[in-house]
């Protein structure tokens, strides 16, 4: 669909709000149903509305900000933080820990209160939704410390996808890393990311989780990012991974892994050395000893 046709037809208001980075699409729909959204001065109560760029949208008393290019950050979440903007119980939140000057961001999924490690933050609701969808196929990897003697055959069986309390979970790849006495470290990979999935699976096997760290989310890794710090993902990387799939992120040219048609196109790339066509004279003497 051309940009011109899309502009004439408009887009669903919840989608527009999400793209502006105010909140996720689902949260936008809840705000609309609660009467916290108005269009051109009129409060609406249904998300079944298409809007145009010319419409004035107000959410929670604030005008919708101008659309910014999609941006993505890695954040090293510590234990004891809620992944929410406000907590009814007054517990500290991730968003209270972000550096001054950070634009309004939303989280890509959530990590529970006692889970630590890699949390992705973005200013773009569509990018968040794309990363969260199980259909996208991004693998989430975790390091899990459990209390108990691990039976490796039970871990292997999780590849079939366990059914826990009537809920079907997707395939879980779990590998024992090390067993030390009554404690063990397990490496776990999942694709769905259901609520508290890793903890529920370990409890299903009878293991008490004493520490849970997310290390990877798709192509993104926690690496050596210090606890409590955030780091923006370069736009070139966003283009390589998500280009053409998210509005505002252009695709790279040729489909090469690094986004360059040829190695010579890469900045600071060295040209291949040309081999000399002259035969080597191994018996030649140093210049100073040659006879004239």
Protein backbone atom coordinates (compact mmCIF):
# COMPACT_ATOMS: atom_id res chain seq x y z
CA UNK A 1 0.00 0.00 0.00
CA UNK A 2 1.39 3.40 -0.98
CA UNK A 3 2.02 6.13 1.59
CA UNK A 4 -0.56 8.29 -0.20
CA UNK A 5 -3.33 5.68 0.14
CA UNK A 6 -2.37 5.01 3.75
CA UNK A 7 -2.57 8.73 4.53
CA UNK A 8 -6.01 9.07 2.92
CA UNK A 9 -7.38 6.02 4.72
CA UNK A 10 -5.71 6.71 8.06
CA UNK A 11 -4.56 4.24 10.67
CA UNK A 12 -6.07 2.76 13.80
CA UNK A 13 -5.69 5.19 16.65
CA UNK A 14 -4.18 2.65 19.07
CA UNK A 15 -1.49 1.88 16.49
CA UNK A 16 -0.72 5.58 16.06
CA UNK A 17 -0.44 6.06 19.83
CA UNK A 18 1.87 3.04 20.11
CA UNK A 19 4.12 4.30 17.33
CA UNK A 20 4.48 7.58 19.16
CA UNK A 21 6.02 5.66 22.07
CA UNK A 22 3.40 6.66 24.62
CA UNK A 23 2.50 3.06 25.45
CA UNK A 24 1.88 -0.29 23.83
CA UNK A 25 -1.07 -0.84 21.50
CA UNK A 26 -2.93 -2.87 24.12
CA UNK A 27 -2.37 -0.19 26.76
CA UNK A 28 -3.59 2.43 24.28
CA UNK A 29 -6.80 0.47 23.78
CA UNK A 30 -7.31 0.31 27.55
CA UNK A 31 -6.76 4.07 27.85
CA UNK A 32 -9.32 4.65 25.10
CA UNK A 33 -11.92 2.43 26.76
CA UNK A 34 -11.29 4.26 30.04
CA UNK A 35 -12.04 7.61 28.38
CA UNK A 36 -8.48 8.96 28.61
CA UNK A 37 -8.06 9.70 24.90
CA UNK A 38 -9.59 12.47 22.80
CA UNK A 39 -9.46 13.24 19.08
CA UNK A 40 -9.93 16.85 17.96
CA UNK A 41 -11.34 17.71 21.38
CA UNK A 42 -13.85 14.83 21.55
CA UNK A 43 -13.33 11.98 24.04
CA UNK A 44 -13.57 8.57 22.39
CA UNK A 45 -14.44 5.24 24.01
CA UNK A 46 -13.67 2.74 21.23
CA UNK A 47 -10.35 1.93 19.51
CA UNK A 48 -12.26 1.17 16.29
CA UNK A 49 -11.30 4.52 14.82
CA UNK A 50 -8.91 5.50 12.05
CA UNK A 51 -7.10 8.82 12.35
CA UNK A 52 -5.11 11.01 9.99
CA UNK A 53 -1.90 12.97 10.61
CA UNK A 54 -4.04 16.12 10.72
CA UNK A 55 -6.06 14.89 13.73
CA UNK A 56 -5.12 16.23 17.17
CA UNK A 57 -4.80 13.32 19.60
CA UNK A 58 -4.57 13.83 23.37
CA UNK A 59 -3.67 10.97 25.73
CA UNK A 60 -3.95 11.41 29.51
CA UNK A 61 -4.23 15.15 29.03
CA UNK A 62 -1.10 15.44 26.88
CA UNK A 63 -0.95 15.98 23.14
CA UNK A 64 0.55 13.09 21.20
CA UNK A 65 4.24 13.88 20.57
CA UNK A 66 5.59 14.12 17.05
CA UNK A 67 6.66 10.80 15.62
CA UNK A 68 10.35 10.14 16.23
CA UNK A 69 12.54 7.61 14.43
CA UNK A 70 12.45 4.20 16.16
CA UNK A 71 15.21 3.76 18.72
CA UNK A 72 16.18 0.79 20.87
CA UNK A 73 18.21 0.50 24.07
CA UNK A 74 19.66 -2.34 26.12
CA UNK A 75 19.26 -1.97 29.89
CA UNK A 76 20.85 -4.14 32.56
CA UNK A 77 18.02 -4.63 35.05
CA UNK A 78 18.92 -5.40 38.65
CA UNK A 79 16.83 -7.54 41.01
CA UNK A 80 14.23 -5.69 43.03
CA UNK A 81 12.85 -3.49 40.24
CA UNK A 82 9.39 -3.54 38.70
CA UNK A 83 9.11 -3.30 34.90
CA UNK A 84 6.28 -0.82 35.01
CA UNK A 85 5.92 2.96 35.05
CA UNK A 86 4.02 2.95 38.34
CA UNK A 87 3.71 0.31 41.04
CA UNK A 88 0.62 0.31 43.31
CA UNK A 89 2.76 -1.01 46.19
CA UNK A 90 5.33 1.74 45.81
CA UNK A 91 8.20 -0.57 44.83
CA UNK A 92 11.04 0.94 42.76
CA UNK A 93 10.68 0.67 38.99
CA UNK A 94 13.03 0.36 36.05
CA UNK A 95 11.89 3.69 34.66
CA UNK A 96 12.86 5.52 37.84
CA UNK A 97 16.43 4.29 37.35
CA UNK A 98 16.94 5.55 33.81
CA UNK A 99 19.48 8.37 33.23
CA UNK A 100 18.31 11.97 33.02
CA UNK A 101 17.48 12.98 29.47
CA UNK A 102 16.15 9.55 28.48
CA UNK A 103 13.12 10.03 26.19
CA UNK A 104 9.85 8.35 27.06
CA UNK A 105 10.35 4.65 26.48
CA UNK A 106 8.40 1.45 26.92
CA UNK A 107 9.73 -2.01 27.66
CA UNK A 108 9.82 -4.90 25.23
CA UNK A 109 8.00 -7.45 27.36
CA UNK A 110 8.81 -7.55 31.06
CA UNK A 111 11.17 -9.07 33.56
CA UNK A 112 9.60 -9.86 36.91
CA UNK A 113 10.66 -8.26 40.20
CA UNK A 114 13.42 -10.76 41.02
CA UNK A 115 14.67 -11.40 37.49
CA UNK A 116 17.75 -9.54 36.31
CA UNK A 117 19.66 -9.06 33.11
CA UNK A 118 18.84 -7.83 29.61
CA UNK A 119 15.74 -5.66 29.23
CA UNK A 120 15.02 -3.92 25.93
CA UNK A 121 13.55 -0.42 25.90
CA UNK A 122 12.22 1.49 22.90
CA UNK A 123 10.47 4.73 22.01
CA UNK A 124 8.39 2.94 19.36
CA UNK A 125 5.38 0.79 20.16
CA UNK A 126 5.42 -0.99 16.80
CA UNK A 127 9.03 -2.04 17.28
CA UNK A 128 8.17 -3.33 20.77
CA UNK A 129 5.24 -5.34 19.43
CA UNK A 130 7.33 -6.81 16.61
CA UNK A 131 10.01 -7.96 19.04
CA UNK A 132 7.48 -9.46 21.46
CA UNK A 133 5.48 -11.57 18.98
CA UNK A 134 6.29 -15.30 19.23
CA UNK A 135 5.87 -15.50 15.44
CA UNK A 136 8.95 -13.32 15.03
CA UNK A 137 10.96 -16.21 16.44
CA UNK A 138 13.44 -14.32 18.60
CA UNK A 139 15.11 -16.62 21.11
CA UNK A 140 15.36 -15.47 24.73
CA UNK A 141 18.30 -17.00 26.61
CA UNK A 142 18.64 -17.23 30.38
CA UNK A 143 21.14 -18.36 33.00
CA UNK A 144 19.23 -20.03 35.83
CA UNK A 145 20.52 -21.09 39.22
CA UNK A 146 18.38 -23.71 40.91
CA UNK A 147 18.42 -25.54 44.20
CA UNK A 148 18.29 -29.28 43.69
CA UNK A 149 20.00 -32.18 41.95
CA UNK A 150 19.25 -31.79 38.25
CA UNK A 151 18.17 -34.79 36.17
CA UNK A 152 19.37 -34.11 32.62
CA UNK A 153 16.81 -36.44 31.02
CA UNK A 154 14.04 -34.25 32.48
CA UNK A 155 15.65 -31.18 30.91
CA UNK A 156 15.87 -32.93 27.54
CA UNK A 157 12.16 -33.79 27.67
CA UNK A 158 11.27 -30.08 27.79
CA UNK A 159 12.03 -29.85 24.05
CA UNK A 160 8.58 -31.33 23.44
CA UNK A 161 6.96 -28.34 25.15
CA UNK A 162 5.61 -29.00 28.66
CA UNK A 163 1.97 -28.69 29.68
CA UNK A 164 1.72 -27.01 33.09
CA UNK A 165 -1.62 -26.49 34.84
CA UNK A 166 -3.39 -26.95 31.54
CA UNK A 167 -1.20 -24.39 29.72
CA UNK A 168 0.77 -25.59 26.69
CA UNK A 169 4.25 -24.08 26.56
CA UNK A 170 6.48 -24.03 23.52
CA UNK A 171 9.70 -26.04 23.19
CA UNK A 172 12.23 -25.26 25.92
CA UNK A 173 15.90 -25.97 25.38
CA UNK A 174 17.54 -26.54 28.77
CA UNK A 175 21.13 -27.66 29.25
CA UNK A 176 22.86 -28.32 32.55
CA UNK A 177 25.96 -26.15 32.80
CA UNK A 178 27.35 -27.09 36.19
CA UNK A 179 26.19 -28.92 39.32
CA UNK A 180 27.85 -27.87 42.58
CA UNK A 181 26.53 -29.74 45.55
CA UNK A 182 22.83 -29.06 45.87
CA UNK A 183 22.93 -26.07 43.48
CA UNK A 184 23.14 -26.01 39.70
CA UNK A 185 23.35 -23.57 36.82
CA UNK A 186 21.18 -24.27 33.76
CA UNK A 187 21.19 -22.52 30.37
CA UNK A 188 17.65 -22.10 29.00
CA UNK A 189 16.38 -20.90 25.62
CA UNK A 190 12.73 -20.13 24.84
CA UNK A 191 10.83 -18.38 22.05
CA UNK A 192 7.43 -17.53 23.50
CA UNK A 193 8.24 -15.67 26.69
CA UNK A 194 4.98 -16.36 28.53
CA UNK A 195 4.54 -14.75 31.96
CA UNK A 196 7.09 -16.23 34.40
CA UNK A 197 7.70 -19.05 31.94
CA UNK A 198 11.20 -20.04 33.04
CA UNK A 199 10.27 -20.06 36.74
CA UNK A 200 7.12 -22.09 36.11
CA UNK A 201 9.00 -24.67 34.05
CA UNK A 202 11.69 -25.09 36.71
CA UNK A 203 9.09 -25.35 39.48
CA UNK A 204 7.26 -27.93 37.36
CA UNK A 205 10.43 -30.07 37.53
CA UNK A 206 10.68 -29.50 41.28
CA UNK A 207 13.60 -27.05 41.27
CA UNK A 208 13.62 -23.83 43.28
CA UNK A 209 14.92 -20.90 41.24
CA UNK A 210 17.39 -18.86 43.30
CA UNK A 211 18.67 -16.61 40.52
CA UNK A 212 17.44 -15.82 37.01
CA UNK A 213 19.40 -13.75 34.48
CA UNK A 214 18.36 -12.98 30.90
CA UNK A 215 21.48 -12.81 28.74
CA UNK A 216 20.12 -12.62 25.16
CA UNK A 217 17.07 -11.45 23.28
CA UNK A 218 17.25 -12.36 19.62
CA UNK A 219 20.39 -10.75 18.17
CA UNK A 220 20.92 -8.59 21.26
CA UNK A 221 23.22 -9.62 24.10
CA UNK A 222 23.73 -8.31 27.62
CA UNK A 223 27.49 -8.69 27.26
CA UNK A 224 29.48 -6.64 29.76
CA UNK A 225 26.91 -3.87 30.18
CA UNK A 226 27.15 -2.83 33.86
CA UNK A 227 24.13 -3.35 36.11
CA UNK A 228 21.83 -0.32 36.04
CA UNK A 229 23.33 1.05 32.81
CA UNK A 230 21.68 1.46 29.40
CA UNK A 231 23.19 1.47 25.94
CA UNK A 232 21.56 2.48 22.66
CA UNK A 233 21.62 0.04 19.76
CA UNK A 234 23.20 1.71 16.69
CA UNK A 235 20.84 2.59 13.87
CA UNK A 236 22.96 0.59 11.44
CA UNK A 237 22.27 -2.54 13.51
CA UNK A 238 18.53 -1.77 13.58
CA UNK A 239 18.57 -1.49 9.79
CA UNK A 240 20.39 -4.80 9.41
CA UNK A 241 18.04 -6.67 11.76
CA UNK A 242 14.65 -5.01 11.31
CA UNK A 243 14.93 -2.85 8.18
CA UNK A 244 11.81 -2.89 6.02
CA UNK A 245 9.79 -4.63 8.77
CA UNK A 246 9.20 -1.60 11.00
CA UNK A 247 8.04 1.82 9.72
CA UNK A 248 10.88 4.31 10.04
CA UNK A 249 13.66 1.70 9.81
CA UNK A 250 14.96 1.45 6.26
CA UNK A 251 16.26 -1.86 4.95
CA UNK A 252 19.93 -2.20 4.06
CA UNK A 253 20.85 -2.62 0.44
CA UNK A 254 21.83 -6.14 -0.53
CA UNK A 255 20.95 -8.50 2.28
CA UNK A 256 24.58 -8.99 3.22
CA UNK A 257 25.02 -9.69 6.90
CA UNK A 258 26.78 -6.41 7.51
CA UNK A 259 24.57 -4.43 5.17
CA UNK A 260 27.17 -3.79 2.45
CA UNK A 261 26.98 -4.98 -1.12
CA UNK A 262 30.72 -5.59 -1.25
CA UNK A 263 33.53 -5.57 1.30
CA UNK A 264 35.05 -2.53 -0.43
CA UNK A 265 31.86 -0.55 0.32
CA UNK A 266 32.37 -0.91 4.07
CA UNK A 267 33.90 2.17 5.72
CA UNK A 268 37.63 1.78 6.37
CA UNK A 269 37.64 -1.56 4.57
CA UNK A 270 41.07 -2.51 3.30
CA UNK A 271 41.49 -3.29 -0.37
CA UNK A 272 42.90 -6.74 -1.08
CA UNK A 273 46.59 -6.76 -1.75
CA UNK A 274 47.57 -7.29 -5.34
CA UNK A 275 50.14 -9.99 -5.89
CA UNK A 276 53.24 -8.94 -7.78
CA UNK A 277 53.74 -10.38 -11.26
CA UNK A 278 57.53 -10.05 -10.95
CA UNK A 279 59.36 -13.19 -9.89
CA UNK A 280 61.14 -12.98 -6.57
CA UNK A 281 64.95 -12.93 -6.79
CA UNK A 282 65.95 -14.77 -3.67
CA UNK A 283 69.62 -14.45 -4.51
CA UNK A 284 69.73 -10.67 -4.75
CA UNK A 285 72.04 -8.91 -2.37
CA UNK A 286 71.09 -5.89 -0.27
CA UNK A 287 71.15 -2.63 -2.23
CA UNK A 288 74.33 -1.39 -0.59
CA UNK A 289 76.32 -4.43 -1.77
CA UNK A 290 75.22 -4.44 -5.38
CA UNK A 291 77.82 -3.83 -8.07
CA UNK A 292 77.15 -0.90 -10.30
